[in-house]
Amino acid sequence: MRVGVTGASGLIGRSLVDALRERGDATTTFVRPSTKSVTGDVIRWDPQHGDVDDGDLRRVGGLDAVVHLAGAGIGDRRWTTARRREILASRVDSTLLLARAMGELSSSEIFLASGSAIGWYGARGEEVLDESSPAGKGFLSDVCQQWEDATMALLERGVAVAHLRTGLVVSSNGGIVGKQLPLFRLGLGARLATGRQWMSPISLWDQVRAILWIIDHRIIGPVNLSAPQPLSNTSFTKLLAHQVHRPAFLSVPAVALRAAFGSQMADELLLASQRVLPKVLLDSGFTFAHPNGESALKWALTTEK
């Protein structure tokens, strides 16, 4: 299979490209024009300015699938007005440009697995959520809805599209665990506020396996990428502390989180309760290697390279 990947330099993208190459697939990565260190086949593009290298598109010719993972990080910095615009534009503009580029690729049966997130559902308390649940409210939900809507031009042309609603990716090399590990290893791990909010994690290993499964089986529509057993923030905190053999008796008050990160970022990203189930994946026959937070954390801290 010939697979294109955007966001190939990110946590998920790097692992996905490695997995594709290990199983013998040919990969084409979408890179910025200024990128100097690249390996393999590339398509140069600049979503911010709406540019894609037509010569690269002609040279590549056709692809069987594209996995679209590009987008500015949502937890990297405080959500100023400018940062919110960047988060939204990086997702919507890149998807619109990708739709145009895919229209110029010669493959008639191309498949798109386009990034999204469980932020689509918003903060929902105790409610159990699957792919049939309605959209939520708030900035992140609006971003995800516009992100998914940006694939409409491809859907109207009959292109098969999956929307990858990714949960909290568990990896010692980044994501929620990578950022917290230094504190937990110092015995400074803490639950967030009451700790009752639901979390829906997925190991990086299962994330990559699920994406491969989706493109291999051409699963269309929204697909939740989260482990079958969500857990509370308190449980997640205890499990992570146990894995690094340190106590975790502390808690960070909601007011402190809001003061440090801003109310919107704190409430929608750090304190949001999202109890998500991967119904579509399970119904398709996919089997999780790490079906719960404990197994995901154990893998990330003892097995992941």
Protein backbone atom coordinates (compact mmCIF):
# COMPACT_ATOMS: atom_id res chain seq x y z
CA MET A 1 0.00 0.00 0.00
CA ARG A 2 1.11 3.57 -0.70
CA VAL A 3 0.23 5.82 2.24
CA GLY A 4 0.63 9.56 2.66
CA VAL A 5 1.06 10.99 6.16
CA THR A 6 0.75 14.58 7.37
CA GLY A 7 2.04 15.49 10.82
CA ALA A 8 4.68 12.79 10.41
CA SER A 9 7.09 14.55 12.79
CA GLY A 10 4.66 14.39 15.72
CA LEU A 11 4.36 11.75 18.42
CA ILE A 12 1.73 9.68 16.60
CA GLY A 13 3.02 10.44 13.11
CA ARG A 14 6.56 9.21 13.79
CA SER A 15 5.34 5.91 15.19
CA LEU A 16 2.81 5.48 12.39
CA VAL A 17 5.40 6.03 9.65
CA ASP A 18 7.74 3.53 11.33
CA ALA A 19 4.92 0.96 11.57
CA LEU A 20 3.93 1.42 7.94
CA ARG A 21 7.50 0.97 6.74
CA GLU A 22 8.09 -2.02 9.00
CA ARG A 23 5.20 -3.87 7.41
CA GLY A 24 6.37 -3.02 3.90
CA ASP A 25 4.15 -0.10 2.93
CA ALA A 26 5.53 2.79 0.89
CA THR A 27 5.14 6.12 2.68
CA THR A 28 4.97 9.68 1.42
CA THR A 29 5.24 12.38 4.07
CA PHE A 30 3.88 15.90 3.72
CA VAL A 31 6.57 18.35 4.86
CA ARG A 32 7.04 22.09 5.08
CA PRO A 33 9.11 23.61 2.23
CA SER A 34 11.76 24.65 4.77
CA THR A 35 12.22 21.09 6.09
CA LYS A 36 15.84 20.08 5.53
CA SER A 37 16.19 16.62 7.06
CA VAL A 38 13.78 14.21 5.36
CA THR A 39 13.92 10.58 4.32
CA GLY A 40 11.91 8.85 1.66
CA ASP A 41 9.29 10.30 -0.65
CA VAL A 42 7.83 13.71 0.27
CA ILE A 43 5.23 16.24 -0.82
CA ARG A 44 6.12 19.80 0.12
CA TRP A 45 3.21 21.89 1.33
CA ASP A 46 2.45 25.02 3.33
CA PRO A 47 -1.08 24.95 4.79
CA GLN A 48 -0.71 28.42 6.30
CA HIS A 49 -0.39 29.91 2.81
CA GLY A 50 -2.48 27.34 0.96
CA ASP A 51 0.43 26.06 -1.14
CA VAL A 52 1.28 22.52 -2.23
CA ASP A 53 4.05 21.57 -4.64
CA ASP A 54 2.38 20.54 -7.89
CA GLY A 55 5.59 18.91 -9.08
CA ASP A 56 5.66 16.67 -6.02
CA LEU A 57 2.02 15.72 -6.60
CA ARG A 58 2.75 14.75 -10.21
CA ARG A 59 5.84 12.80 -9.17
CA VAL A 60 4.00 10.86 -6.45
CA GLY A 61 1.18 10.11 -8.86
CA GLY A 62 -1.25 8.23 -6.67
CA LEU A 63 -1.76 7.06 -3.10
CA ASP A 64 -3.98 4.35 -1.66
CA ALA A 65 -4.57 6.19 1.62
CA VAL A 66 -3.68 9.38 3.45
CA VAL A 67 -3.52 9.75 7.23
CA HIS A 68 -3.94 13.40 8.21
CA LEU A 69 -2.45 14.20 11.62
CA ALA A 70 -1.24 17.79 11.18
CA GLY A 71 -2.28 20.45 13.69
CA ALA A 72 -0.87 22.77 16.36
CA GLY A 73 -0.67 21.25 19.84
CA ILE A 74 -3.61 22.10 22.10
CA GLY A 75 -1.74 21.72 25.39
CA ASP A 76 1.57 23.36 24.51
CA ARG A 77 0.77 26.86 25.74
CA ARG A 78 -1.92 29.09 27.19
CA TRP A 79 -4.93 29.68 24.96
CA THR A 80 -4.60 33.32 24.04
CA THR A 81 -6.83 34.68 21.31
CA ALA A 82 -3.97 34.26 18.83
CA ARG A 83 -3.29 30.72 19.98
CA ARG A 84 -6.94 29.73 19.59
CA ARG A 85 -6.92 31.06 16.04
CA GLU A 86 -3.73 29.08 15.34
CA ILE A 87 -5.18 25.84 16.76
CA LEU A 88 -8.28 26.16 14.59
CA ALA A 89 -6.55 27.34 11.41
CA SER A 90 -3.82 24.69 11.60
CA ARG A 91 -6.48 21.99 11.43
CA VAL A 92 -9.07 23.46 9.10
CA ASP A 93 -6.67 25.08 6.61
CA SER A 94 -4.48 21.98 6.38
CA THR A 95 -7.53 19.76 5.81
CA LEU A 96 -8.90 22.03 3.07
CA LEU A 97 -5.50 22.11 1.37
CA LEU A 98 -5.16 18.34 1.69
CA ALA A 99 -8.59 17.89 0.09
CA ARG A 100 -7.42 19.95 -2.86
CA ALA A 101 -4.16 18.02 -3.13
CA MET A 102 -5.95 14.66 -2.98
CA GLY A 103 -8.12 15.80 -5.87
CA GLU A 104 -4.96 16.09 -7.96
CA LEU A 105 -3.58 12.66 -7.05
CA SER A 106 -4.41 10.06 -9.68
CA SER A 107 -5.60 7.25 -7.40
CA SER A 108 -9.36 6.81 -7.84
CA GLU A 109 -9.91 4.76 -4.68
CA ILE A 110 -7.95 6.90 -2.26
CA PHE A 111 -8.97 6.70 1.42
CA LEU A 112 -8.56 9.45 4.00
CA ALA A 113 -8.16 8.90 7.75
CA SER A 114 -8.45 12.46 9.00
CA GLY A 115 -7.52 13.60 12.46
CA SER A 116 -10.05 14.72 15.04
CA ALA A 117 -10.36 14.26 18.81
CA ILE A 118 -12.75 13.27 21.56
CA GLY A 119 -12.91 16.98 22.29
CA TRP A 120 -15.74 16.80 19.72
CA TYR A 121 -18.03 15.64 22.54
CA GLY A 122 -17.21 18.50 24.92
CA ALA A 123 -17.30 18.11 28.71
CA ARG A 124 -20.11 15.63 29.47
CA GLY A 125 -19.78 14.57 33.12
CA GLU A 126 -20.89 10.98 33.73
CA GLU A 127 -22.51 10.50 30.31
CA VAL A 128 -21.25 7.47 28.36
CA LEU A 129 -20.26 8.58 24.86
CA ASP A 130 -19.82 6.70 21.61
CA GLU A 131 -19.77 7.69 17.95
CA SER A 132 -23.56 8.12 17.88
CA SER A 133 -23.48 10.78 20.63
CA PRO A 134 -24.16 14.39 19.59
CA ALA A 135 -21.49 17.07 19.51
CA GLY A 136 -20.74 19.04 22.63
CA LYS A 137 -20.15 22.72 23.26
CA GLY A 138 -17.07 24.85 23.76
CA PHE A 139 -13.94 25.84 21.89
CA LEU A 140 -12.48 22.34 21.43
CA SER A 141 -15.79 20.92 20.29
CA ASP A 142 -16.15 23.74 17.76
CA VAL A 143 -12.61 23.10 16.50
CA CYS A 144 -13.25 19.39 16.04
CA GLN A 145 -16.55 20.00 14.28
CA GLN A 146 -14.99 22.45 11.82
CA TRP A 147 -12.01 20.10 11.41
CA GLU A 148 -14.28 17.23 10.41
CA ASP A 149 -16.48 19.49 8.25
CA ALA A 150 -13.39 20.51 6.25
CA THR A 151 -13.43 17.05 4.61
CA MET A 152 -16.86 17.74 3.10
CA ALA A 153 -15.46 18.46 -0.37
CA LEU A 154 -13.91 14.98 -0.45
CA LEU A 155 -17.09 13.34 0.79
CA GLU A 156 -19.03 15.08 -1.97
CA ARG A 157 -16.60 13.61 -4.51
CA GLY A 158 -17.22 10.14 -3.12
CA VAL A 159 -13.91 9.76 -1.26
CA ALA A 160 -14.13 7.41 1.74
CA VAL A 161 -13.25 9.33 4.93
CA ALA A 162 -12.73 8.26 8.53
CA HIS A 163 -12.55 10.84 11.32
CA LEU A 164 -10.05 9.76 13.98
CA ARG A 165 -11.46 11.01 17.29
CA THR A 166 -8.35 10.45 19.36
CA GLY A 167 -8.38 10.26 23.15
CA LEU A 168 -5.49 10.90 25.54
CA VAL A 169 -2.47 9.18 23.97
CA VAL A 170 -0.33 7.37 26.56
CA SER A 171 3.39 7.41 25.83
CA SER A 172 6.50 7.99 27.91
CA ASN A 173 7.88 10.07 25.02
CA GLY A 174 5.19 12.73 25.00
CA GLY A 175 1.51 13.39 25.45
CA ILE A 176 -0.16 13.50 28.84
CA VAL A 177 2.19 10.96 30.48
CA GLY A 178 5.42 12.31 29.03
CA LYS A 179 4.63 15.78 30.37
CA GLN A 180 3.78 14.55 33.88
CA LEU A 181 6.51 11.95 34.36
CA PRO A 182 9.20 14.28 35.77
CA LEU A 183 6.85 15.46 38.53
CA PHE A 184 5.60 11.98 39.34
CA ARG A 185 9.16 10.65 39.56
CA LEU A 186 9.89 13.35 42.13
CA GLY A 187 6.88 12.27 44.17
CA LEU A 188 4.98 15.40 43.16
CA GLY A 189 2.25 13.72 41.15
CA ALA A 190 -1.22 15.07 41.85
CA ARG A 191 -4.81 14.57 40.83
CA LEU A 192 -6.53 17.50 39.15
CA ALA A 193 -9.19 19.16 41.32
CA THR A 194 -11.65 16.54 42.63
CA GLY A 195 -10.21 13.86 40.33
CA ARG A 196 -13.72 12.64 39.55
CA GLN A 197 -13.58 13.69 35.90
CA TRP A 198 -13.46 10.83 33.40
CA MET A 199 -10.43 10.26 31.19
CA SER A 200 -10.35 8.22 27.98
CA PRO A 201 -6.73 7.19 27.30
CA ILE A 202 -5.24 5.01 24.58
CA SER A 203 -1.68 3.68 24.42
CA LEU A 204 0.42 4.95 21.53
CA TRP A 205 0.82 1.31 20.52
CA ASP A 206 -2.94 0.83 20.18
CA GLN A 207 -3.34 4.24 18.55
CA VAL A 208 -1.04 3.25 15.71
CA ARG A 209 -2.54 -0.24 15.44
CA ALA A 210 -6.02 1.24 15.27
CA ILE A 211 -5.07 3.65 12.48
CA LEU A 212 -3.58 0.79 10.47
CA TRP A 213 -6.75 -1.23 11.09
CA ILE A 214 -8.94 1.65 9.93
CA ILE A 215 -7.08 2.18 6.65
CA ASP A 216 -6.80 -1.57 5.99
CA HIS A 217 -10.53 -2.11 6.56
CA ARG A 218 -11.57 1.27 5.11
CA ILE A 219 -13.77 2.12 8.07
CA ILE A 220 -15.67 5.32 7.36
CA GLY A 221 -17.24 7.98 9.56
CA PRO A 222 -16.26 8.92 13.12
CA VAL A 223 -14.09 6.42 15.00
CA ASN A 224 -13.24 6.88 18.68
CA LEU A 225 -9.61 6.02 19.37
CA SER A 226 -9.69 5.36 23.11
CA ALA A 227 -9.38 2.25 25.26
CA PRO A 228 -12.60 0.37 26.12
CA GLN A 229 -12.26 1.14 29.84
CA PRO A 230 -12.17 4.88 30.67
CA LEU A 231 -11.17 5.83 34.20
CA SER A 232 -11.27 8.75 36.61
CA ASN A 233 -8.44 11.22 36.95
CA THR A 234 -7.92 9.97 40.51
CA SER A 235 -7.48 6.39 39.28
CA PHE A 236 -5.15 7.48 36.49
CA THR A 237 -3.05 9.47 38.97
CA LYS A 238 -2.75 6.50 41.35
CA LEU A 239 -1.82 4.13 38.53
CA LEU A 240 0.88 6.43 37.17
CA ALA A 241 2.32 6.96 40.67
CA HIS A 242 2.34 3.20 41.23
CA GLN A 243 4.25 2.61 38.00
CA VAL A 244 7.04 4.98 39.09
CA HIS A 245 6.95 3.74 42.71
CA ARG A 246 6.15 7.13 44.20
CA PRO A 247 3.28 8.47 46.32
CA ALA A 248 0.67 10.81 44.86
CA PHE A 249 -1.21 12.38 47.74
CA LEU A 250 -1.39 15.89 46.32
CA SER A 251 -4.17 17.60 44.41
CA VAL A 252 -4.19 20.75 42.31
CA PRO A 253 -7.25 22.90 43.03
CA ALA A 254 -9.37 23.93 40.06
CA VAL A 255 -8.81 27.58 40.92
CA ALA A 256 -5.04 27.11 40.63
CA LEU A 257 -5.39 25.42 37.24
CA ARG A 258 -7.61 28.24 36.00
CA ALA A 259 -5.13 30.84 37.24
CA ALA A 260 -2.19 29.07 35.58
CA PHE A 261 -3.77 28.10 32.24
CA GLY A 262 -6.82 30.31 31.91
CA SER A 263 -10.39 29.26 32.68
CA GLN A 264 -11.20 28.02 29.19
CA MET A 265 -8.14 25.81 28.80
CA ALA A 266 -8.46 24.47 32.35
CA ASP A 267 -12.16 23.65 32.05
CA GLU A 268 -12.11 22.21 28.51
CA LEU A 269 -8.79 20.41 28.48
CA LEU A 270 -7.61 19.64 32.03
CA LEU A 271 -10.90 19.29 33.91
CA ALA A 272 -13.27 18.12 31.18
CA SER A 273 -14.98 14.80 31.90
CA GLN A 274 -15.20 12.57 28.82
CA ARG A 275 -16.29 8.96 29.26
CA VAL A 276 -15.75 7.68 25.73
CA LEU A 277 -16.18 4.18 24.34
CA PRO A 278 -14.63 2.93 21.04
CA LYS A 279 -17.83 1.27 19.78
CA VAL A 280 -16.99 1.41 16.06
CA LEU A 281 -13.55 -0.13 16.53
CA LEU A 282 -14.89 -2.90 18.78
CA ASP A 283 -17.79 -3.64 16.43
CA SER A 284 -15.32 -3.93 13.53
CA GLY A 285 -13.38 -6.68 15.34
CA PHE A 286 -10.41 -4.64 16.52
CA THR A 287 -8.76 -6.01 19.68
CA PHE A 288 -6.93 -3.66 22.05
CA ALA A 289 -3.53 -4.73 23.33
CA HIS A 290 -4.03 -2.33 26.25
CA PRO A 291 -7.75 -2.13 27.06
CA ASN A 292 -7.39 -0.02 30.21
CA GLY A 293 -5.28 2.68 31.80
CA GLU A 294 -3.22 0.27 33.87
CA SER A 295 -2.05 -1.81 30.92
CA ALA A 296 -1.44 1.30 28.82
CA LEU A 297 0.73 2.90 31.50
CA LYS A 298 2.61 -0.33 32.18
CA TRP A 299 3.42 -0.63 28.47
CA ALA A 300 4.52 3.02 28.20
CA LEU A 301 6.82 2.84 31.22
CA THR A 302 8.26 -0.65 30.88
CA THR A 303 8.12 -1.64 27.19
CA GLU A 304 7.95 1.43 24.96
CA LYS A 305 11.25 2.36 23.38
